[in-house]
């Protein structure tokens, strides 16, 4: 938990379906700060609508879980917001099919 009492969540695959619903449910509780990640958040009008309603408690971050550079860029974006703090919860709602990546490395 970060200073200020917020519980910090990062959810992958947040642009639609289960991931979008996870973000929606997390935003219903004002003690949550959410990093909603997906390949293209601008293309999801539902995700953008949630962000507008979130009162600054939601950040959208581009993340393609199958692209190591994208993963590292997303990690740096989260670190920029959190500073020296860390996440409380990591919600993995995305998959990788036939990837050359053998591990998910967050090198921020």
PDB file of N, CA and C in Angstrom:
ATOM      1  N   UNK A   1       0.849  -1.176   0.000  1.00  0.00           N
ATOM      2  CA  UNK A   1       0.000   0.000   0.000  1.00  0.00           C
ATOM      3  C   UNK A   1       0.890   1.234   0.000  1.00  0.00           C
ATOM      4  N   UNK A   2       0.569   2.211  -0.842  1.00  0.00           N
ATOM      5  CA  UNK A   2       1.373   3.418  -0.932  1.00  0.00           C
ATOM      6  C   UNK A   2       0.955   4.420   0.140  1.00  0.00           C
ATOM      7  N   UNK A   3       1.793   5.433   0.313  1.00  0.00           N
ATOM      8  CA  UNK A   3       1.410   6.498   1.236  1.00  0.00           C
ATOM      9  C   UNK A   3       0.094   7.087   0.766  1.00  0.00           C
ATOM     10  N   UNK A   4      -0.755   7.446   1.672  1.00  0.00           N
ATOM     11  CA  UNK A   4      -2.073   7.950   1.317  1.00  0.00           C
ATOM     12  C   UNK A   4      -3.132   6.873   1.399  1.00  0.00           C
ATOM     13  N   UNK A   5      -2.723   5.642   1.686  1.00  0.00           N
ATOM     14  CA  UNK A   5      -3.681   4.573   1.908  1.00  0.00           C
ATOM     15  C   UNK A   5      -4.236   3.924   0.664  1.00  0.00           C
ATOM     16  N   UNK A   6      -3.768   4.286  -0.523  1.00  0.00           N
ATOM     17  CA  UNK A   6      -4.292   3.664  -1.736  1.00  0.00           C
ATOM     18  C   UNK A   6      -3.691   2.281  -1.943  1.00  0.00           C
ATOM     19  N   UNK A   7      -4.509   1.367  -2.411  1.00  0.00           N
ATOM     20  CA  UNK A   7      -4.064   0.023  -2.762  1.00  0.00           C
ATOM     21  C   UNK A   7      -3.759   0.035  -4.251  1.00  0.00           C
ATOM     22  N   UNK A   8      -2.562  -0.403  -4.623  1.00  0.00           N
ATOM     23  CA  UNK A   8      -2.060  -0.268  -5.986  1.00  0.00           C
ATOM     24  C   UNK A   8      -2.205  -1.567  -6.774  1.00  0.00           C
ATOM     25  N   UNK A   9      -2.911  -1.485  -7.900  1.00  0.00           N
ATOM     26  CA  UNK A   9      -3.180  -2.636  -8.752  1.00  0.00           C
ATOM     27  C   UNK A   9      -2.651  -2.360 -10.161  1.00  0.00           C
ATOM     28  N   UNK A  10      -2.119  -3.377 -10.800  1.00  0.00           N
ATOM     29  CA  UNK A  10      -1.834  -3.315 -12.226  1.00  0.00           C
ATOM     30  C   UNK A  10      -2.559  -4.486 -12.858  1.00  0.00           C
ATOM     31  N   UNK A  11      -3.393  -4.187 -13.850  1.00  0.00           N
ATOM     32  CA  UNK A  11      -4.162  -5.220 -14.543  1.00  0.00           C
ATOM     33  C   UNK A  11      -3.791  -5.225 -16.022  1.00  0.00           C
ATOM     34  N   UNK A  12      -3.410  -6.389 -16.539  1.00  0.00           N
ATOM     35  CA  UNK A  12      -3.116  -6.506 -17.959  1.00  0.00           C
ATOM     36  C   UNK A  12      -4.396  -6.881 -18.708  1.00  0.00           C
ATOM     37  N   UNK A  13      -4.392  -6.638 -20.011  1.00  0.00           N
ATOM     38  CA  UNK A  13      -5.553  -7.009 -20.826  1.00  0.00           C
ATOM     39  C   UNK A  13      -6.818  -6.275 -20.440  1.00  0.00           C
ATOM     40  N   UNK A  14      -6.697  -4.989 -20.164  1.00  0.00           N
ATOM     41  CA  UNK A  14      -7.795  -4.215 -19.579  1.00  0.00           C
ATOM     42  C   UNK A  14      -8.742  -3.551 -20.574  1.00  0.00           C
ATOM     43  N   UNK A  15      -8.535  -3.729 -21.845  1.00  0.00           N
ATOM     44  CA  UNK A  15      -9.328  -2.978 -22.823  1.00  0.00           C
ATOM     45  C   UNK A  15     -10.729  -3.538 -23.065  1.00  0.00           C
ATOM     46  N   UNK A  16     -10.956  -4.798 -22.686  1.00  0.00           N
ATOM     47  CA  UNK A  16     -12.273  -5.391 -22.942  1.00  0.00           C
ATOM     48  C   UNK A  16     -12.469  -6.628 -22.081  1.00  0.00           C
ATOM     49  N   UNK A  17     -13.663  -7.151 -22.111  1.00  0.00           N
ATOM     50  CA  UNK A  17     -13.968  -8.417 -21.453  1.00  0.00           C
ATOM     51  C   UNK A  17     -13.683  -8.429 -19.964  1.00  0.00           C
ATOM     52  N   UNK A  18     -13.073  -9.525 -19.512  1.00  0.00           N
ATOM     53  CA  UNK A  18     -12.791  -9.720 -18.092  1.00  0.00           C
ATOM     54  C   UNK A  18     -11.874  -8.632 -17.556  1.00  0.00           C
ATOM     55  N   UNK A  19     -10.847  -8.260 -18.307  1.00  0.00           N
ATOM     56  CA  UNK A  19      -9.919  -7.223 -17.857  1.00  0.00           C
ATOM     57  C   UNK A  19     -10.599  -5.889 -17.631  1.00  0.00           C
ATOM     58  N   UNK A  20     -11.474  -5.508 -18.529  1.00  0.00           N
ATOM     59  CA  UNK A  20     -12.227  -4.260 -18.385  1.00  0.00           C
ATOM     60  C   UNK A  20     -13.135  -4.316 -17.161  1.00  0.00           C
ATOM     61  N   UNK A  21     -13.767  -5.453 -16.939  1.00  0.00           N
ATOM     62  CA  UNK A  21     -14.642  -5.601 -15.772  1.00  0.00           C
ATOM     63  C   UNK A  21     -13.840  -5.565 -14.472  1.00  0.00           C
ATOM     64  N   UNK A  22     -12.648  -6.143 -14.474  1.00  0.00           N
ATOM     65  CA  UNK A  22     -11.782  -6.069 -13.291  1.00  0.00           C
ATOM     66  C   UNK A  22     -11.500  -4.611 -12.950  1.00  0.00           C
ATOM     67  N   UNK A  23     -11.129  -3.830 -13.953  1.00  0.00           N
ATOM     68  CA  UNK A  23     -10.838  -2.408 -13.739  1.00  0.00           C
ATOM     69  C   UNK A  23     -12.082  -1.688 -13.224  1.00  0.00           C
ATOM     70  N   UNK A  24     -13.212  -1.970 -13.824  1.00  0.00           N
ATOM     71  CA  UNK A  24     -14.469  -1.344 -13.404  1.00  0.00           C
ATOM     72  C   UNK A  24     -14.760  -1.644 -11.932  1.00  0.00           C
ATOM     73  N   UNK A  25     -14.611  -2.886 -11.529  1.00  0.00           N
ATOM     74  CA  UNK A  25     -14.871  -3.279 -10.144  1.00  0.00           C
ATOM     75  C   UNK A  25     -13.874  -2.637  -9.186  1.00  0.00           C
ATOM     76  N   UNK A  26     -12.614  -2.562  -9.580  1.00  0.00           N
ATOM     77  CA  UNK A  26     -11.597  -1.935  -8.728  1.00  0.00           C
ATOM     78  C   UNK A  26     -11.870  -0.446  -8.546  1.00  0.00           C
ATOM     79  N   UNK A  27     -12.323   0.211  -9.602  1.00  0.00           N
ATOM     80  CA  UNK A  27     -12.613   1.650  -9.513  1.00  0.00           C
ATOM     81  C   UNK A  27     -13.806   1.952  -8.610  1.00  0.00           C
ATOM     82  N   UNK A  28     -14.642   0.967  -8.380  1.00  0.00           N
ATOM     83  CA  UNK A  28     -15.805   1.174  -7.520  1.00  0.00           C
ATOM     84  C   UNK A  28     -15.401   1.423  -6.070  1.00  0.00           C
ATOM     85  N   UNK A  29     -14.177   1.047  -5.724  1.00  0.00           N
ATOM     86  CA  UNK A  29     -13.660   1.250  -4.362  1.00  0.00           C
ATOM     87  C   UNK A  29     -12.645   2.391  -4.400  1.00  0.00           C
ATOM     88  N   UNK A  30     -12.938   3.469  -3.698  1.00  0.00           N
ATOM     89  CA  UNK A  30     -12.089   4.666  -3.751  1.00  0.00           C
ATOM     90  C   UNK A  30     -10.720   4.476  -3.113  1.00  0.00           C
ATOM     91  N   UNK A  31     -10.461   3.324  -2.510  1.00  0.00           N
ATOM     92  CA  UNK A  31      -9.141   3.078  -1.922  1.00  0.00           C
ATOM     93  C   UNK A  31      -8.171   2.455  -2.926  1.00  0.00           C
ATOM     94  N   UNK A  32      -8.613   2.263  -4.179  1.00  0.00           N
ATOM     95  CA  UNK A  32      -7.771   1.629  -5.191  1.00  0.00           C
ATOM     96  C   UNK A  32      -7.212   2.633  -6.184  1.00  0.00           C
ATOM     97  N   UNK A  33      -5.947   2.419  -6.565  1.00  0.00           N
ATOM     98  CA  UNK A  33      -5.308   3.107  -7.686  1.00  0.00           C
ATOM     99  C   UNK A  33      -4.970   2.023  -8.692  1.00  0.00           C
ATOM    100  N   UNK A  34      -5.388   2.216  -9.936  1.00  0.00           N
ATOM    101  CA  UNK A  34      -5.269   1.162 -10.938  1.00  0.00           C
ATOM    102  C   UNK A  34      -4.410   1.606 -12.110  1.00  0.00           C
ATOM    103  N   UNK A  35      -3.504   0.724 -12.506  1.00  0.00           N
ATOM    104  CA  UNK A  35      -2.773   0.855 -13.762  1.00  0.00           C
ATOM    105  C   UNK A  35      -3.417  -0.147 -14.706  1.00  0.00           C
ATOM    106  N   UNK A  36      -4.172   0.346 -15.671  1.00  0.00           N
ATOM    107  CA  UNK A  36      -4.870  -0.508 -16.637  1.00  0.00           C
ATOM    108  C   UNK A  36      -4.013  -0.581 -17.892  1.00  0.00           C
ATOM    109  N   UNK A  37      -3.551  -1.780 -18.223  1.00  0.00           N
ATOM    110  CA  UNK A  37      -2.669  -1.931 -19.371  1.00  0.00           C
ATOM    111  C   UNK A  37      -3.346  -2.735 -20.472  1.00  0.00           C
ATOM    112  N   UNK A  38      -2.987  -2.374 -21.703  1.00  0.00           N
ATOM    113  CA  UNK A  38      -3.450  -3.107 -22.884  1.00  0.00           C
ATOM    114  C   UNK A  38      -2.618  -2.640 -24.067  1.00  0.00           C
ATOM    115  N   UNK A  39      -2.774  -3.316 -25.186  1.00  0.00           N
ATOM    116  CA  UNK A  39      -1.977  -2.960 -26.367  1.00  0.00           C
ATOM    117  C   UNK A  39      -2.275  -1.565 -26.882  1.00  0.00           C
ATOM    118  N   UNK A  40      -3.554  -1.152 -26.842  1.00  0.00           N
ATOM    119  CA  UNK A  40      -3.921   0.165 -27.368  1.00  0.00           C
ATOM    120  C   UNK A  40      -5.113   0.708 -26.595  1.00  0.00           C
ATOM    121  N   UNK A  41      -4.844   1.430 -25.533  1.00  0.00           N
ATOM    122  CA  UNK A  41      -5.928   1.942 -24.688  1.00  0.00           C
ATOM    123  C   UNK A  41      -6.767   3.004 -25.397  1.00  0.00           C
ATOM    124  N   UNK A  42      -6.164   3.714 -26.348  1.00  0.00           N
ATOM    125  CA  UNK A  42      -6.916   4.738 -27.080  1.00  0.00           C
ATOM    126  C   UNK A  42      -8.032   4.131 -27.920  1.00  0.00           C
ATOM    127  N   UNK A  43      -7.876   2.872 -28.301  1.00  0.00           N
ATOM    128  CA  UNK A  43      -8.884   2.214 -29.136  1.00  0.00           C
ATOM    129  C   UNK A  43     -10.064   1.683 -28.324  1.00  0.00           C
ATOM    130  N   UNK A  44      -9.969   1.728 -27.011  1.00  0.00           N
ATOM    131  CA  UNK A  44     -11.045   1.226 -26.160  1.00  0.00           C
ATOM    132  C   UNK A  44     -11.811   2.395 -25.551  1.00  0.00           C
ATOM    133  N   UNK A  45     -12.952   2.713 -26.149  1.00  0.00           N
ATOM    134  CA  UNK A  45     -13.747   3.822 -25.624  1.00  0.00           C
ATOM    135  C   UNK A  45     -14.265   3.510 -24.220  1.00  0.00           C
ATOM    136  N   UNK A  46     -14.544   2.247 -23.936  1.00  0.00           N
ATOM    137  CA  UNK A  46     -15.017   1.864 -22.602  1.00  0.00           C
ATOM    138  C   UNK A  46     -13.940   2.109 -21.548  1.00  0.00           C
ATOM    139  N   UNK A  47     -12.693   1.781 -21.876  1.00  0.00           N
ATOM    140  CA  UNK A  47     -11.589   2.006 -20.944  1.00  0.00           C
ATOM    141  C   UNK A  47     -11.356   3.496 -20.734  1.00  0.00           C
ATOM    142  N   UNK A  48     -11.423   4.270 -21.803  1.00  0.00           N
ATOM    143  CA  UNK A  48     -11.245   5.719 -21.684  1.00  0.00           C
ATOM    144  C   UNK A  48     -12.361   6.344 -20.855  1.00  0.00           C
ATOM    145  N   UNK A  49     -13.572   5.830 -20.995  1.00  0.00           N
ATOM    146  CA  UNK A  49     -14.694   6.318 -20.199  1.00  0.00           C
ATOM    147  C   UNK A  49     -14.475   6.044 -18.712  1.00  0.00           C
ATOM    148  N   UNK A  50     -13.983   4.851 -18.398  1.00  0.00           N
ATOM    149  CA  UNK A  50     -13.675   4.533 -16.997  1.00  0.00           C
ATOM    150  C   UNK A  50     -12.591   5.449 -16.453  1.00  0.00           C
ATOM    151  N   UNK A  51     -11.594   5.725 -17.267  1.00  0.00           N
ATOM    152  CA  UNK A  51     -10.510   6.607 -16.830  1.00  0.00           C
ATOM    153  C   UNK A  51     -11.046   7.998 -16.491  1.00  0.00           C
ATOM    154  N   UNK A  52     -11.934   8.509 -17.313  1.00  0.00           N
ATOM    155  CA  UNK A  52     -12.519   9.830 -17.069  1.00  0.00           C
ATOM    156  C   UNK A  52     -13.331   9.841 -15.773  1.00  0.00           C
ATOM    157  N   UNK A  53     -14.009   8.743 -15.490  1.00  0.00           N
ATOM    158  CA  UNK A  53     -14.828   8.655 -14.283  1.00  0.00           C
ATOM    159  C   UNK A  53     -14.001   8.325 -13.037  1.00  0.00           C
ATOM    160  N   UNK A  54     -12.744   7.944 -13.232  1.00  0.00           N
ATOM    161  CA  UNK A  54     -11.920   7.458 -12.141  1.00  0.00           C
ATOM    162  C   UNK A  54     -11.362   8.501 -11.197  1.00  0.00           C
ATOM    163  N   UNK A  55     -11.548   9.759 -11.492  1.00  0.00           N
ATOM    164  CA  UNK A  55     -11.080  10.797 -10.589  1.00  0.00           C
ATOM    165  C   UNK A  55      -9.579  10.777 -10.348  1.00  0.00           C
ATOM    166  N   UNK A  56      -8.798  10.425 -11.369  1.00  0.00           N
ATOM    167  CA  UNK A  56      -7.344  10.399 -11.234  1.00  0.00           C
ATOM    168  C   UNK A  56      -6.803   9.137 -10.586  1.00  0.00           C
ATOM    169  N   UNK A  57      -7.669   8.152 -10.319  1.00  0.00           N
ATOM    170  CA  UNK A  57      -7.216   6.922  -9.679  1.00  0.00           C
ATOM    171  C   UNK A  57      -6.924   5.812 -10.684  1.00  0.00           C
ATOM    172  N   UNK A  58      -6.902   6.158 -11.978  1.00  0.00           N
ATOM    173  CA  UNK A  58      -6.622   5.158 -13.001  1.00  0.00           C
ATOM    174  C   UNK A  58      -5.653   5.724 -14.018  1.00  0.00           C
ATOM    175  N   UNK A  59      -4.628   4.947 -14.309  1.00  0.00           N
ATOM    176  CA  UNK A  59      -3.653   5.295 -15.339  1.00  0.00           C
ATOM    177  C   UNK A  59      -3.737   4.225 -16.427  1.00  0.00           C
ATOM    178  N   UNK A  60      -3.778   4.638 -17.685  1.00  0.00           N
ATOM    179  CA  UNK A  60      -3.728   3.667 -18.780  1.00  0.00           C
ATOM    180  C   UNK A  60      -2.304   3.651 -19.319  1.00  0.00           C
ATOM    181  N   UNK A  61      -1.811   2.450 -19.538  1.00  0.00           N
ATOM    182  CA  UNK A  61      -0.434   2.260 -19.994  1.00  0.00           C
ATOM    183  C   UNK A  61      -0.433   1.245 -21.119  1.00  0.00           C
ATOM    184  N   UNK A  62       0.262   1.588 -22.197  1.00  0.00           N
ATOM    185  CA  UNK A  62       0.380   0.664 -23.317  1.00  0.00           C
ATOM    186  C   UNK A  62       1.282  -0.490 -22.909  1.00  0.00           C
ATOM    187  N   UNK A  63       0.823  -1.713 -23.167  1.00  0.00           N
ATOM    188  CA  UNK A  63       1.603  -2.903 -22.837  1.00  0.00           C
ATOM    189  C   UNK A  63       1.208  -4.035 -23.768  1.00  0.00           C
ATOM    190  N   UNK A  64       2.169  -4.503 -24.538  1.00  0.00           N
ATOM    191  CA  UNK A  64       1.997  -5.715 -25.338  1.00  0.00           C
ATOM    192  C   UNK A  64       2.837  -6.780 -24.643  1.00  0.00           C
ATOM    193  N   UNK A  65       2.194  -7.709 -23.982  1.00  0.00           N
ATOM    194  CA  UNK A  65       2.888  -8.714 -23.170  1.00  0.00           C
ATOM    195  C   UNK A  65       3.808  -9.604 -23.990  1.00  0.00           C
ATOM    196  N   UNK A  66       3.673  -9.591 -25.300  1.00  0.00           N
ATOM    197  CA  UNK A  66       4.504 -10.407 -26.186  1.00  0.00           C
ATOM    198  C   UNK A  66       5.706  -9.632 -26.717  1.00  0.00           C
ATOM    199  N   UNK A  67       5.925  -8.433 -26.242  1.00  0.00           N
ATOM    200  CA  UNK A  67       7.001  -7.573 -26.728  1.00  0.00           C
ATOM    201  C   UNK A  67       7.828  -7.093 -25.537  1.00  0.00           C
ATOM    202  N   UNK A  68       9.043  -7.599 -25.421  1.00  0.00           N
ATOM    203  CA  UNK A  68       9.896  -7.295 -24.268  1.00  0.00           C
ATOM    204  C   UNK A  68      10.125  -5.793 -24.111  1.00  0.00           C
ATOM    205  N   UNK A  69      10.327  -5.089 -25.201  1.00  0.00           N
ATOM    206  CA  UNK A  69      10.528  -3.635 -25.123  1.00  0.00           C
ATOM    207  C   UNK A  69       9.282  -2.945 -24.577  1.00  0.00           C
ATOM    208  N   UNK A  70       8.111  -3.393 -24.997  1.00  0.00           N
ATOM    209  CA  UNK A  70       6.856  -2.831 -24.501  1.00  0.00           C
ATOM    210  C   UNK A  70       6.695  -3.095 -23.002  1.00  0.00           C
ATOM    211  N   UNK A  71       7.058  -4.284 -22.565  1.00  0.00           N
ATOM    212  CA  UNK A  71       6.979  -4.629 -21.141  1.00  0.00           C
ATOM    213  C   UNK A  71       7.896  -3.709 -20.332  1.00  0.00           C
ATOM    214  N   UNK A  72       9.123  -3.520 -20.801  1.00  0.00           N
ATOM    215  CA  UNK A  72      10.064  -2.658 -20.088  1.00  0.00           C
ATOM    216  C   UNK A  72       9.624  -1.203 -20.082  1.00  0.00           C
ATOM    217  N   UNK A  73       9.067  -0.734 -21.188  1.00  0.00           N
ATOM    218  CA  UNK A  73       8.565   0.641 -21.259  1.00  0.00           C
ATOM    219  C   UNK A  73       7.406   0.833 -20.288  1.00  0.00           C
ATOM    220  N   UNK A  74       6.508  -0.149 -20.218  1.00  0.00           N
ATOM    221  CA  UNK A  74       5.379  -0.080 -19.285  1.00  0.00           C
ATOM    222  C   UNK A  74       5.877  -0.072 -17.841  1.00  0.00           C
ATOM    223  N   UNK A  75       6.875  -0.890 -17.550  1.00  0.00           N
ATOM    224  CA  UNK A  75       7.432  -0.935 -16.190  1.00  0.00           C
ATOM    225  C   UNK A  75       8.009   0.423 -15.799  1.00  0.00           C
ATOM    226  N   UNK A  76       8.691   1.070 -16.721  1.00  0.00           N
ATOM    227  CA  UNK A  76       9.242   2.407 -16.441  1.00  0.00           C
ATOM    228  C   UNK A  76       8.128   3.429 -16.222  1.00  0.00           C
ATOM    229  N   UNK A  77       7.042   3.309 -16.983  1.00  0.00           N
ATOM    230  CA  UNK A  77       5.907   4.234 -16.818  1.00  0.00           C
ATOM    231  C   UNK A  77       5.271   4.075 -15.443  1.00  0.00           C
ATOM    232  N   UNK A  78       5.137   2.842 -14.980  1.00  0.00           N
ATOM    233  CA  UNK A  78       4.577   2.591 -13.650  1.00  0.00           C
ATOM    234  C   UNK A  78       5.522   3.127 -12.586  1.00  0.00           C
ATOM    235  N   UNK A  79       6.800   2.869 -12.755  1.00  0.00           N
ATOM    236  CA  UNK A  79       7.800   3.332 -11.792  1.00  0.00           C
ATOM    237  C   UNK A  79       7.813   4.854 -11.690  1.00  0.00           C
ATOM    238  N   UNK A  80       7.590   5.521 -12.812  1.00  0.00           N
ATOM    239  CA  UNK A  80       7.557   6.988 -12.816  1.00  0.00           C
ATOM    240  C   UNK A  80       6.437   7.510 -11.915  1.00  0.00           C
ATOM    241  N   UNK A  81       5.305   6.832 -11.911  1.00  0.00           N
ATOM    242  CA  UNK A  81       4.174   7.231 -11.071  1.00  0.00           C
ATOM    243  C   UNK A  81       4.425   6.843  -9.611  1.00  0.00           C
ATOM    244  N   UNK A  82       4.946   5.642  -9.390  1.00  0.00           N
ATOM    245  CA  UNK A  82       5.092   5.123  -8.036  1.00  0.00           C
ATOM    246  C   UNK A  82       6.342   5.605  -7.307  1.00  0.00           C
ATOM    247  N   UNK A  83       7.348   6.024  -8.057  1.00  0.00           N
ATOM    248  CA  UNK A  83       8.607   6.387  -7.408  1.00  0.00           C
ATOM    249  C   UNK A  83       9.268   5.145  -6.850  1.00  0.00           C
ATOM    250  N   UNK A  84       9.597   5.182  -5.568  1.00  0.00           N
ATOM    251  CA  UNK A  84      10.277   4.048  -4.941  1.00  0.00           C
ATOM    252  C   UNK A  84       9.312   2.994  -4.437  1.00  0.00           C
ATOM    253  N   UNK A  85       8.022   3.266  -4.486  1.00  0.00           N
ATOM    254  CA  UNK A  85       7.022   2.306  -4.016  1.00  0.00           C
ATOM    255  C   UNK A  85       6.822   1.181  -5.013  1.00  0.00           C
ATOM    256  N   UNK A  86       5.991   0.242  -4.642  1.00  0.00           N
ATOM    257  CA  UNK A  86       5.696  -0.881  -5.514  1.00  0.00           C
ATOM    258  C   UNK A  86       4.209  -1.155  -5.578  1.00  0.00           C
ATOM    259  N   UNK A  87       3.853  -2.143  -6.354  1.00  0.00           N
ATOM    260  CA  UNK A  87       2.466  -2.551  -6.508  1.00  0.00           C
ATOM    261  C   UNK A  87       2.045  -3.458  -5.362  1.00  0.00           C
ATOM    262  N   UNK A  88       0.765  -3.432  -5.055  1.00  0.00           N
ATOM    263  CA  UNK A  88       0.207  -4.379  -4.101  1.00  0.00           C
ATOM    264  C   UNK A  88      -0.305  -5.630  -4.814  1.00  0.00           C
ATOM    265  N   UNK A  89      -0.899  -5.435  -5.995  1.00  0.00           N
ATOM    266  CA  UNK A  89      -1.473  -6.558  -6.738  1.00  0.00           C
ATOM    267  C   UNK A  89      -1.140  -6.451  -8.216  1.00  0.00           C
ATOM    268  N   UNK A  90      -0.800  -7.588  -8.821  1.00  0.00           N
ATOM    269  CA  UNK A  90      -0.569  -7.706 -10.250  1.00  0.00           C
ATOM    270  C   UNK A  90      -1.582  -8.706 -10.782  1.00  0.00           C
ATOM    271  N   UNK A  91      -2.498  -8.237 -11.627  1.00  0.00           N
ATOM    272  CA  UNK A  91      -3.578  -9.067 -12.149  1.00  0.00           C
ATOM    273  C   UNK A  91      -3.286  -9.374 -13.620  1.00  0.00           C
ATOM    274  N   UNK A  92      -2.875 -10.593 -13.890  1.00  0.00           N
ATOM    275  CA  UNK A  92      -2.501 -10.987 -15.245  1.00  0.00           C
ATOM    276  C   UNK A  92      -3.739 -11.523 -15.957  1.00  0.00           C
ATOM    277  N   UNK A  93      -4.182 -10.756 -16.944  1.00  0.00           N
ATOM    278  CA  UNK A  93      -5.362 -11.126 -17.715  1.00  0.00           C
ATOM    279  C   UNK A  93      -5.041 -11.077 -19.205  1.00  0.00           C
ATOM    280  N   UNK A  94      -3.830 -11.433 -19.545  1.00  0.00           N
ATOM    281  CA  UNK A  94      -3.438 -11.473 -20.947  1.00  0.00           C
ATOM    282  C   UNK A  94      -2.601 -12.725 -21.150  1.00  0.00           C
ATOM    283  N   UNK A  95      -2.540 -13.150 -22.370  1.00  0.00           N
ATOM    284  CA  UNK A  95      -1.777 -14.357 -22.666  1.00  0.00           C
ATOM    285  C   UNK A  95      -0.805 -14.124 -23.802  1.00  0.00           C
ATOM    286  N   UNK A  96       0.153 -15.010 -23.902  1.00  0.00           N
ATOM    287  CA  UNK A  96       1.136 -14.960 -24.971  1.00  0.00           C
ATOM    288  C   UNK A  96       1.098 -16.309 -25.676  1.00  0.00           C
ATOM    289  N   UNK A  97       0.947 -16.261 -26.992  1.00  0.00           N
ATOM    290  CA  UNK A  97       0.908 -17.481 -27.782  1.00  0.00           C
ATOM    291  C   UNK A  97       2.136 -17.508 -28.680  1.00  0.00           C
ATOM    292  N   UNK A  98       2.876 -18.623 -28.651  1.00  0.00           N
ATOM    293  CA  UNK A  98       4.047 -18.818 -29.503  1.00  0.00           C
ATOM    294  C   UNK A  98       5.059 -17.693 -29.365  1.00  0.00           C
ATOM    295  N   UNK A  99       5.383 -17.322 -28.168  1.00  0.00           N
ATOM    296  CA  UNK A  99       6.315 -16.232 -27.931  1.00  0.00           C
ATOM    297  C   UNK A  99       7.731 -16.748 -27.780  1.00  0.00           C
ATOM    298  N   UNK A 100       8.687 -15.901 -28.168  1.00  0.00           N
ATOM    299  CA  UNK A 100      10.090 -16.218 -27.945  1.00  0.00           C
ATOM    300  C   UNK A 100      10.515 -15.824 -26.532  1.00  0.00           C
ATOM    301  N   UNK A 101       9.692 -15.035 -25.851  1.00  0.00           N
ATOM    302  CA  UNK A 101      10.014 -14.653 -24.480  1.00  0.00           C
ATOM    303  C   UNK A 101       9.841 -15.862 -23.572  1.00  0.00           C
ATOM    304  N   UNK A 102      10.816 -16.096 -22.707  1.00  0.00           N
ATOM    305  CA  UNK A 102      10.718 -17.223 -21.796  1.00  0.00           C
ATOM    306  C   UNK A 102      10.359 -16.796 -20.390  1.00  0.00           C
ATOM    307  N   UNK A 103      10.477 -15.499 -20.100  1.00  0.00           N
ATOM    308  CA  UNK A 103      10.086 -15.001 -18.796  1.00  0.00           C
ATOM    309  C   UNK A 103       9.665 -13.550 -18.933  1.00  0.00           C
ATOM    310  N   UNK A 104       8.861 -13.127 -17.998  1.00  0.00           N
ATOM    311  CA  UNK A 104       8.397 -11.742 -17.985  1.00  0.00           C
ATOM    312  C   UNK A 104       9.353 -10.962 -17.091  1.00  0.00           C
ATOM    313  N   UNK A 105      10.182 -10.150 -17.696  1.00  0.00           N
ATOM    314  CA  UNK A 105      11.173  -9.383 -16.949  1.00  0.00           C
ATOM    315  C   UNK A 105      10.760  -7.929 -16.913  1.00  0.00           C
ATOM    316  N   UNK A 106      10.693  -7.373 -15.716  1.00  0.00           N
ATOM    317  CA  UNK A 106      10.339  -5.971 -15.536  1.00  0.00           C
ATOM    318  C   UNK A 106      11.592  -5.210 -15.131  1.00  0.00           C
ATOM    319  N   UNK A 107      12.305  -4.750 -16.122  1.00  0.00           N
ATOM    320  CA  UNK A 107      13.542  -4.006 -15.886  1.00  0.00           C
ATOM    321  C   UNK A 107      13.274  -2.533 -16.017  1.00  0.00           C
ATOM    322  N   UNK A 108      12.974  -1.895 -14.916  1.00  0.00           N
ATOM    323  CA  UNK A 108      12.688  -0.470 -14.960  1.00  0.00           C
ATOM    324  C   UNK A 108      13.917   0.324 -14.571  1.00  0.00           C
TER     325      UNK A 108
END
